[in-house]
Amino acid sequence: MPVIHLNADQINTIDLSPALQVIDPMLSEVSAHEQTVRFAIDYPLEAGDPRELPEVPEVRLWFIGLDALYPWLPFLLDWKAGEFARYTAMLVPHQFHPKDGIQYNPEALEIYVMHKTFVLLNWLKQQGIEGNSRLKAMTQMLGYDIDDGFFNLLSGK
């Protein structure tokens, strides 16, 4: 499994090179690396700091920069290991609840899901990869069901 290792210095300086070093070599055979990428983040918080990493502005900013560079990155993330959910938390406003877990801002999540759907649908088409079933699975992980009619609408059918 490819792992993107990040430390506090890289995050604080928005140094995306650790991601580029892992992702760029995959681009020639991107379909072979579907759902394989993980993150190992070493960003120490002060003792008593109750925040999770997606709540730390510096960490979120690093991921926003990464998403701007690779907006199709969810295709590569290891969904089973929770990387897609963590990536989403880095980009979508949310709150953590001890009993209910992560609670995304509903409107922000809807915009994110639709944005990723459009980005990935176009990108997958460019790569010659069937996308509808993948996108349905991705959006279902975030609580959305995309109807086939939506894909037909986008393809002009």
C-alpha atoms as a PDB file:
ATOM      1  CA  MET A   1       0.000   0.000   0.000  1.00  0.00           C
ATOM      2  CA  PRO A   2       1.372   3.413  -0.918  1.00  0.00           C
ATOM      3  CA  VAL A   3       1.568   5.720   2.099  1.00  0.00           C
ATOM      4  CA  ILE A   4       1.929   9.497   2.086  1.00  0.00           C
ATOM      5  CA  HIS A   5       3.932  10.384   5.201  1.00  0.00           C
ATOM      6  CA  LEU A   6       3.406  13.895   6.551  1.00  0.00           C
ATOM      7  CA  ASN A   7       5.073  15.715   9.396  1.00  0.00           C
ATOM      8  CA  ALA A   8       4.326  19.031  11.081  1.00  0.00           C
ATOM      9  CA  ASP A   9       6.942  20.976   9.092  1.00  0.00           C
ATOM     10  CA  GLN A  10       5.511  19.798   5.775  1.00  0.00           C
ATOM     11  CA  ILE A  11       1.997  20.626   6.887  1.00  0.00           C
ATOM     12  CA  ASN A  12       2.899  24.029   8.311  1.00  0.00           C
ATOM     13  CA  THR A  13       4.711  25.051   5.109  1.00  0.00           C
ATOM     14  CA  ILE A  14       2.071  23.480   2.834  1.00  0.00           C
ATOM     15  CA  ASP A  15       4.797  21.296   1.324  1.00  0.00           C
ATOM     16  CA  LEU A  16       2.888  18.964  -0.979  1.00  0.00           C
ATOM     17  CA  SER A  17       6.014  17.120  -2.132  1.00  0.00           C
ATOM     18  CA  PRO A  18       5.346  14.006   0.016  1.00  0.00           C
ATOM     19  CA  ALA A  19       2.079  13.513  -1.882  1.00  0.00           C
ATOM     20  CA  LEU A  20       3.611  14.290  -5.279  1.00  0.00           C
ATOM     21  CA  GLN A  21       6.357  11.714  -4.661  1.00  0.00           C
ATOM     22  CA  VAL A  22       3.747   9.008  -4.061  1.00  0.00           C
ATOM     23  CA  ILE A  23       1.031  10.037  -6.535  1.00  0.00           C
ATOM     24  CA  ASP A  24       2.943  11.211  -9.602  1.00  0.00           C
ATOM     25  CA  PRO A  25       4.569   7.795 -10.297  1.00  0.00           C
ATOM     26  CA  MET A  26       1.084   6.250 -10.257  1.00  0.00           C
ATOM     27  CA  LEU A  27      -0.270   8.465 -13.013  1.00  0.00           C
ATOM     28  CA  SER A  28       0.969   6.301 -15.884  1.00  0.00           C
ATOM     29  CA  GLU A  29      -1.138   3.370 -14.619  1.00  0.00           C
ATOM     30  CA  VAL A  30      -3.607   5.128 -12.360  1.00  0.00           C
ATOM     31  CA  SER A  31      -6.302   2.446 -12.609  1.00  0.00           C
ATOM     32  CA  ALA A  32      -3.906  -0.083 -11.053  1.00  0.00           C
ATOM     33  CA  HIS A  33      -3.759   2.040  -7.899  1.00  0.00           C
ATOM     34  CA  GLU A  34      -7.465   2.480  -7.233  1.00  0.00           C
ATOM     35  CA  GLN A  35      -8.223   2.646  -3.497  1.00  0.00           C
ATOM     36  CA  THR A  36      -4.670   1.987  -2.335  1.00  0.00           C
ATOM     37  CA  VAL A  37      -3.301   5.271  -0.943  1.00  0.00           C
ATOM     38  CA  ARG A  38      -3.118   5.978   2.761  1.00  0.00           C
ATOM     39  CA  PHE A  39      -1.865   8.864   4.872  1.00  0.00           C
ATOM     40  CA  ALA A  40       0.425   8.673   7.900  1.00  0.00           C
ATOM     41  CA  ILE A  41       0.172  12.038   9.619  1.00  0.00           C
ATOM     42  CA  ASP A  42       2.564  13.023  12.386  1.00  0.00           C
ATOM     43  CA  TYR A  43       1.206  16.330  13.645  1.00  0.00           C
ATOM     44  CA  PRO A  44       1.550  16.517  17.401  1.00  0.00           C
ATOM     45  CA  LEU A  45      -1.028  18.475  19.340  1.00  0.00           C
ATOM     46  CA  GLU A  46      -0.386  20.070  22.704  1.00  0.00           C
ATOM     47  CA  ALA A  47      -1.342  18.046  25.757  1.00  0.00           C
ATOM     48  CA  GLY A  48      -5.023  18.497  26.471  1.00  0.00           C
ATOM     49  CA  ASP A  49      -5.867  19.682  22.958  1.00  0.00           C
ATOM     50  CA  PRO A  50      -9.149  17.844  22.273  1.00  0.00           C
ATOM     51  CA  ARG A  51      -9.174  18.455  18.505  1.00  0.00           C
ATOM     52  CA  GLU A  52      -8.976  15.758  15.895  1.00  0.00           C
ATOM     53  CA  LEU A  53      -6.573  16.394  12.974  1.00  0.00           C
ATOM     54  CA  PRO A  54      -9.367  17.476  10.587  1.00  0.00           C
ATOM     55  CA  GLU A  55     -10.163  20.256  13.063  1.00  0.00           C
ATOM     56  CA  VAL A  56      -6.646  21.732  12.925  1.00  0.00           C
ATOM     57  CA  PRO A  57      -6.585  24.647  10.436  1.00  0.00           C
ATOM     58  CA  GLU A  58      -3.009  23.969   9.299  1.00  0.00           C
ATOM     59  CA  VAL A  59      -3.794  20.335   8.516  1.00  0.00           C
ATOM     60  CA  ARG A  60      -6.992  21.286   6.687  1.00  0.00           C
ATOM     61  CA  LEU A  61      -5.123  23.896   4.646  1.00  0.00           C
ATOM     62  CA  TRP A  62      -2.565  21.295   3.542  1.00  0.00           C
ATOM     63  CA  PHE A  63      -5.386  19.017   2.364  1.00  0.00           C
ATOM     64  CA  ILE A  64      -7.144  21.885   0.583  1.00  0.00           C
ATOM     65  CA  GLY A  65      -3.905  22.481  -1.326  1.00  0.00           C
ATOM     66  CA  LEU A  66      -3.668  18.782  -2.163  1.00  0.00           C
ATOM     67  CA  ASP A  67      -7.278  18.682  -3.319  1.00  0.00           C
ATOM     68  CA  ALA A  68      -6.669  21.661  -5.605  1.00  0.00           C
ATOM     69  CA  LEU A  69      -3.781  19.776  -7.212  1.00  0.00           C
ATOM     70  CA  TYR A  70      -5.489  16.378  -7.445  1.00  0.00           C
ATOM     71  CA  PRO A  71      -9.277  16.932  -7.266  1.00  0.00           C
ATOM     72  CA  TRP A  72      -9.784  13.306  -8.359  1.00  0.00           C
ATOM     73  CA  LEU A  73      -7.703  11.934  -5.446  1.00  0.00           C
ATOM     74  CA  PRO A  74     -10.638  10.066  -3.832  1.00  0.00           C
ATOM     75  CA  PHE A  75     -10.179   7.496  -6.631  1.00  0.00           C
ATOM     76  CA  LEU A  76      -6.781   6.565  -5.163  1.00  0.00           C
ATOM     77  CA  LEU A  77      -7.653   6.668  -1.465  1.00  0.00           C
ATOM     78  CA  ASP A  78      -8.030   3.440   0.502  1.00  0.00           C
ATOM     79  CA  TRP A  79     -11.731   3.669   1.321  1.00  0.00           C
ATOM     80  CA  LYS A  80     -11.759   0.497   3.429  1.00  0.00           C
ATOM     81  CA  ALA A  81      -9.101   1.961   5.720  1.00  0.00           C
ATOM     82  CA  GLY A  82     -11.223   5.090   6.217  1.00  0.00           C
ATOM     83  CA  GLU A  83      -9.023   7.361   4.112  1.00  0.00           C
ATOM     84  CA  PHE A  84     -11.892   8.712   2.017  1.00  0.00           C
ATOM     85  CA  ALA A  85     -13.916   9.631   5.122  1.00  0.00           C
ATOM     86  CA  ARG A  86     -10.874  11.291   6.701  1.00  0.00           C
ATOM     87  CA  TYR A  87     -10.102  13.151   3.458  1.00  0.00           C
ATOM     88  CA  THR A  88     -13.695  14.372   3.317  1.00  0.00           C
ATOM     89  CA  ALA A  89     -13.441  15.564   6.923  1.00  0.00           C
ATOM     90  CA  MET A  90     -10.385  17.606   5.958  1.00  0.00           C
ATOM     91  CA  LEU A  91     -12.412  19.449   3.305  1.00  0.00           C
ATOM     92  CA  VAL A  92     -15.968  19.667   4.638  1.00  0.00           C
ATOM     93  CA  PRO A  93     -16.998  21.620   7.763  1.00  0.00           C
ATOM     94  CA  HIS A  94     -18.116  19.255  10.490  1.00  0.00           C
ATOM     95  CA  GLN A  95     -18.299  18.581  14.208  1.00  0.00           C
ATOM     96  CA  PHE A  96     -17.280  15.522  16.183  1.00  0.00           C
ATOM     97  CA  HIS A  97     -19.798  14.079  18.599  1.00  0.00           C
ATOM     98  CA  PRO A  98     -18.687  11.493  21.160  1.00  0.00           C
ATOM     99  CA  LYS A  99     -21.745   9.292  20.555  1.00  0.00           C
ATOM    100  CA  ASP A 100     -22.572   9.973  16.893  1.00  0.00           C
ATOM    101  CA  GLY A 101     -19.071  10.451  15.476  1.00  0.00           C
ATOM    102  CA  ILE A 102     -18.498  12.925  12.685  1.00  0.00           C
ATOM    103  CA  GLN A 103     -21.406  15.161  11.709  1.00  0.00           C
ATOM    104  CA  TYR A 104     -20.829  17.058   8.464  1.00  0.00           C
ATOM    105  CA  ASN A 105     -22.485  20.379   7.710  1.00  0.00           C
ATOM    106  CA  PRO A 106     -25.305  19.056   5.460  1.00  0.00           C
ATOM    107  CA  GLU A 107     -25.179  21.809   2.816  1.00  0.00           C
ATOM    108  CA  ALA A 108     -21.394  21.743   2.636  1.00  0.00           C
ATOM    109  CA  LEU A 109     -21.417  17.961   2.301  1.00  0.00           C
ATOM    110  CA  GLU A 110     -23.989  18.100  -0.491  1.00  0.00           C
ATOM    111  CA  ILE A 111     -21.876  20.625  -2.414  1.00  0.00           C
ATOM    112  CA  TYR A 112     -18.748  18.507  -1.844  1.00  0.00           C
ATOM    113  CA  VAL A 113     -20.463  15.308  -3.016  1.00  0.00           C
ATOM    114  CA  MET A 114     -21.787  16.951  -6.187  1.00  0.00           C
ATOM    115  CA  HIS A 115     -18.431  18.624  -6.894  1.00  0.00           C
ATOM    116  CA  LYS A 116     -16.533  15.348  -6.499  1.00  0.00           C
ATOM    117  CA  THR A 117     -19.136  13.574  -8.630  1.00  0.00           C
ATOM    118  CA  PHE A 118     -18.644  16.011 -11.514  1.00  0.00           C
ATOM    119  CA  VAL A 119     -14.853  16.070 -11.160  1.00  0.00           C
ATOM    120  CA  LEU A 120     -14.504  12.315 -10.948  1.00  0.00           C
ATOM    121  CA  LEU A 121     -17.025  11.566 -13.676  1.00  0.00           C
ATOM    122  CA  ASN A 122     -15.096  13.745 -16.113  1.00  0.00           C
ATOM    123  CA  TRP A 123     -11.698  12.509 -14.942  1.00  0.00           C
ATOM    124  CA  LEU A 124     -12.695   8.832 -15.087  1.00  0.00           C
ATOM    125  CA  LYS A 125     -14.035   9.342 -18.609  1.00  0.00           C
ATOM    126  CA  GLN A 126     -10.686  10.880 -19.623  1.00  0.00           C
ATOM    127  CA  GLN A 127      -8.909   7.861 -18.145  1.00  0.00           C
ATOM    128  CA  GLY A 128     -11.194   5.416 -19.971  1.00  0.00           C
ATOM    129  CA  ILE A 129     -12.476   4.034 -16.658  1.00  0.00           C
ATOM    130  CA  GLU A 130     -16.150   3.225 -16.073  1.00  0.00           C
ATOM    131  CA  GLY A 131     -17.296   5.655 -13.429  1.00  0.00           C
ATOM    132  CA  ASN A 132     -20.983   5.338 -12.587  1.00  0.00           C
ATOM    133  CA  SER A 133     -20.728   2.382 -10.207  1.00  0.00           C
ATOM    134  CA  ARG A 134     -17.601   3.791  -8.574  1.00  0.00           C
ATOM    135  CA  LEU A 135     -19.263   7.144  -8.026  1.00  0.00           C
ATOM    136  CA  LYS A 136     -22.377   5.510  -6.636  1.00  0.00           C
ATOM    137  CA  ALA A 137     -20.250   3.595  -4.124  1.00  0.00           C
ATOM    138  CA  MET A 138     -18.301   6.720  -3.200  1.00  0.00           C
ATOM    139  CA  THR A 139     -21.369   8.855  -2.612  1.00  0.00           C
ATOM    140  CA  GLN A 140     -23.105   6.057  -0.675  1.00  0.00           C
ATOM    141  CA  MET A 141     -20.224   6.144   1.799  1.00  0.00           C
ATOM    142  CA  LEU A 142     -21.296   9.711   2.559  1.00  0.00           C
ATOM    143  CA  GLY A 143     -25.010   8.908   2.745  1.00  0.00           C
ATOM    144  CA  TYR A 144     -26.051   9.832  -0.807  1.00  0.00           C
ATOM    145  CA  ASP A 145     -27.721   7.679  -3.440  1.00  0.00           C
ATOM    146  CA  ILE A 146     -27.167   8.827  -7.001  1.00  0.00           C
ATOM    147  CA  ASP A 147     -29.853   7.658  -9.400  1.00  0.00           C
ATOM    148  CA  ASP A 148     -28.891   6.358 -12.843  1.00  0.00           C
ATOM    149  CA  GLY A 149     -31.081   9.111 -14.266  1.00  0.00           C
ATOM    150  CA  PHE A 150     -28.561  11.661 -12.995  1.00  0.00           C
ATOM    151  CA  PHE A 151     -25.787  10.022 -15.005  1.00  0.00           C
ATOM    152  CA  ASN A 152     -28.079   9.854 -18.035  1.00  0.00           C
ATOM    153  CA  LEU A 153     -28.776  13.568 -17.657  1.00  0.00           C
ATOM    154  CA  LEU A 154     -25.075  14.363 -17.570  1.00  0.00           C
ATOM    155  CA  SER A 155     -24.342  12.206 -20.609  1.00  0.00           C
ATOM    156  CA  GLY A 156     -27.185  13.765 -22.602  1.00  0.00           C
ATOM    157  CA  LYS A 157     -29.319  10.608 -22.773  1.00  0.00           C
END
